[in-house]
N, C-alpha and C. Protein backbone atom coordinates (compact mmCIF):
# COMPACT_ATOMS: atom_id res chain seq x y z
N MET A 1 69.77 -136.43 -5.23
CA MET A 1 68.88 -136.67 -6.33
C MET A 1 67.67 -137.20 -6.31
N THR A 2 67.11 -136.40 -7.86
CA THR A 2 66.12 -136.17 -7.95
C THR A 2 65.31 -136.74 -9.55
N ALA A 3 64.49 -137.00 -9.48
CA ALA A 3 64.05 -137.41 -11.01
C ALA A 3 62.77 -137.36 -11.43
N SER A 4 62.18 -136.70 -12.45
CA SER A 4 60.84 -136.78 -12.41
C SER A 4 60.39 -137.48 -13.10
N ASP A 5 58.86 -137.85 -12.84
CA ASP A 5 58.49 -139.10 -13.55
C ASP A 5 57.89 -138.57 -14.81
N ASP A 6 57.92 -137.76 -15.74
CA ASP A 6 57.30 -137.51 -16.63
C ASP A 6 58.21 -137.25 -17.70
N GLY A 7 59.22 -136.25 -17.35
CA GLY A 7 60.42 -135.68 -18.24
C GLY A 7 60.32 -134.21 -18.15
N GLY A 8 60.31 -133.55 -16.80
CA GLY A 8 60.07 -132.60 -16.73
C GLY A 8 58.79 -131.70 -16.65
N ASP A 9 57.78 -131.88 -16.53
CA ASP A 9 56.15 -130.84 -16.57
C ASP A 9 56.31 -129.83 -15.28
N ASP A 10 56.26 -128.82 -14.77
CA ASP A 10 56.37 -128.23 -13.44
C ASP A 10 55.24 -128.73 -12.42
N SER A 11 54.37 -129.02 -12.99
CA SER A 11 53.01 -129.61 -12.39
C SER A 11 53.59 -131.00 -12.09
N ALA A 12 54.33 -131.82 -12.06
CA ALA A 12 54.61 -132.99 -12.44
C ALA A 12 54.76 -133.73 -10.71
N THR A 13 54.77 -135.01 -10.30
CA THR A 13 55.68 -135.38 -8.95
C THR A 13 57.46 -135.57 -9.63
N THR A 14 57.64 -135.22 -8.13
CA THR A 14 58.71 -135.47 -8.44
C THR A 14 59.68 -135.99 -7.13
N ARG A 15 60.71 -137.29 -7.52
CA ARG A 15 61.03 -138.11 -6.61
C ARG A 15 62.17 -137.01 -6.36
N THR A 16 62.52 -137.85 -5.17
CA THR A 16 64.36 -136.99 -4.08
C THR A 16 64.00 -137.93 -3.30
N THR A 17 65.84 -137.84 -2.55
CA THR A 17 66.20 -138.49 -1.46
C THR A 17 66.93 -137.33 -0.99
N ILE A 18 66.28 -137.08 0.26
CA ILE A 18 67.05 -136.05 1.84
C ILE A 18 67.23 -136.54 2.57
N GLU A 19 68.05 -136.02 3.50
CA GLU A 19 68.74 -136.43 4.64
C GLU A 19 67.88 -135.56 5.58
N VAL A 20 67.19 -136.48 6.87
CA VAL A 20 66.71 -135.17 7.81
C VAL A 20 66.94 -135.92 9.36
N ASP A 21 66.96 -134.99 10.00
CA ASP A 21 67.43 -135.11 10.92
C ASP A 21 66.39 -136.74 11.63
N ARG A 22 67.07 -137.13 12.47
CA ARG A 22 66.32 -138.62 13.15
C ARG A 22 64.59 -137.92 14.24
N ASP A 23 65.49 -136.80 14.86
CA ASP A 23 64.01 -136.99 15.60
C ASP A 23 63.14 -136.08 14.40
N VAL A 24 63.65 -135.34 13.58
CA VAL A 24 62.25 -135.01 12.28
C VAL A 24 61.89 -135.72 12.02
N TRP A 25 62.42 -137.38 11.53
CA TRP A 25 62.11 -137.91 10.95
C TRP A 25 60.68 -138.72 11.87
N ARG A 26 61.32 -139.26 12.81
CA ARG A 26 59.95 -139.91 14.11
C ARG A 26 59.29 -138.91 13.99
N GLN A 27 59.19 -137.97 14.45
CA GLN A 27 58.08 -136.71 14.41
C GLN A 27 56.97 -136.53 12.92
N VAL A 28 57.79 -136.71 11.89
CA VAL A 28 56.78 -136.89 10.61
C VAL A 28 55.96 -138.21 10.83
N ARG A 29 56.51 -139.16 10.56
CA ARG A 29 56.44 -140.60 10.54
C ARG A 29 55.05 -140.75 11.65
N SER A 30 55.52 -140.48 12.92
CA SER A 30 54.46 -140.33 14.05
C SER A 30 53.00 -139.84 13.56
N ASP A 31 53.10 -138.87 13.19
CA ASP A 31 51.98 -137.92 12.50
C ASP A 31 51.22 -138.25 11.42
N ALA A 32 52.15 -139.23 10.79
CA ALA A 32 51.39 -139.65 9.50
C ALA A 32 50.75 -140.89 9.67
N VAL A 33 51.15 -141.54 10.52
CA VAL A 33 50.47 -142.99 11.05
C VAL A 33 49.41 -142.26 11.99
N ALA A 34 49.45 -141.24 12.37
CA ALA A 34 48.17 -140.77 13.62
C ALA A 34 47.18 -140.67 12.58
N GLU A 35 47.52 -140.27 11.69
CA GLU A 35 46.63 -139.64 10.50
C GLU A 35 46.22 -140.70 9.05
N GLY A 36 46.79 -141.72 9.38
CA GLY A 36 46.63 -142.69 8.37
C GLY A 36 46.54 -142.21 6.73
N GLN A 37 48.47 -141.85 6.48
CA GLN A 37 48.83 -141.19 5.43
C GLN A 37 49.95 -141.64 5.56
N ASN A 38 51.04 -142.41 3.75
CA ASN A 38 52.15 -142.25 4.55
C ASN A 38 52.84 -141.22 4.87
N VAL A 39 54.68 -141.84 4.95
CA VAL A 39 55.37 -140.78 5.15
C VAL A 39 55.75 -139.30 4.03
N SER A 40 55.58 -140.16 3.11
CA SER A 40 55.77 -139.21 2.11
C SER A 40 54.41 -138.25 1.57
N GLU A 41 53.43 -139.03 1.71
CA GLU A 41 52.03 -137.55 2.01
C GLU A 41 52.61 -136.63 2.73
N LYS A 42 52.35 -137.38 4.33
CA LYS A 42 52.68 -136.10 4.92
C LYS A 42 53.93 -135.10 5.07
N LEU A 43 54.74 -135.81 4.74
CA LEU A 43 56.35 -134.65 4.08
C LEU A 43 56.17 -133.84 3.10
N GLU A 44 55.39 -133.90 2.36
CA GLU A 44 54.49 -133.37 1.17
C GLU A 44 53.29 -132.39 1.74
N GLU A 45 53.07 -132.48 3.07
CA GLU A 45 51.75 -131.75 3.24
C GLU A 45 52.59 -130.49 4.27
N VAL A 46 53.72 -131.34 4.88
CA VAL A 46 54.74 -130.57 5.86
C VAL A 46 54.99 -129.28 4.77
N LEU A 47 55.80 -129.72 3.75
CA LEU A 47 56.35 -128.82 2.80
C LEU A 47 55.42 -127.63 2.40
N GLU A 48 54.27 -127.77 1.81
CA GLU A 48 53.34 -127.44 1.36
C GLU A 48 53.36 -126.28 2.24
N GLU A 49 52.73 -126.91 3.64
CA GLU A 49 52.16 -125.83 4.58
C GLU A 49 53.30 -124.76 4.73
N TYR A 50 54.18 -125.15 4.89
CA TYR A 50 55.77 -124.73 5.44
C TYR A 50 55.66 -122.95 4.51
N TYR A 51 55.96 -123.80 2.76
CA TYR A 51 56.11 -122.71 1.75
C TYR A 51 54.48 -122.14 1.37
N ASP A 52 53.57 -122.57 1.92
CA ASP A 52 52.16 -121.75 1.50
C ASP A 52 51.59 -121.78 0.73
N MET A 53 51.99 -122.90 0.49
CA MET A 53 51.17 -123.42 -0.62
C MET A 53 49.66 -124.54 -0.43
N ASP A 54 48.88 -123.99 -1.79
CA ASP A 54 47.80 -125.27 -1.53
C ASP A 54 47.54 -126.41 -2.94
């Protein structure tokens, strides 16, 4: 399920629900805590790195 925060602007934040492997979640959560981020911010960072976006 996804929902755009402002009606569909491509540059907007989109909220989504995803399922991830428990071990992946634990690693992302651990990295986020170590870096003082929340898990959503860390996951966004990981995805941006994966897709080579700045």
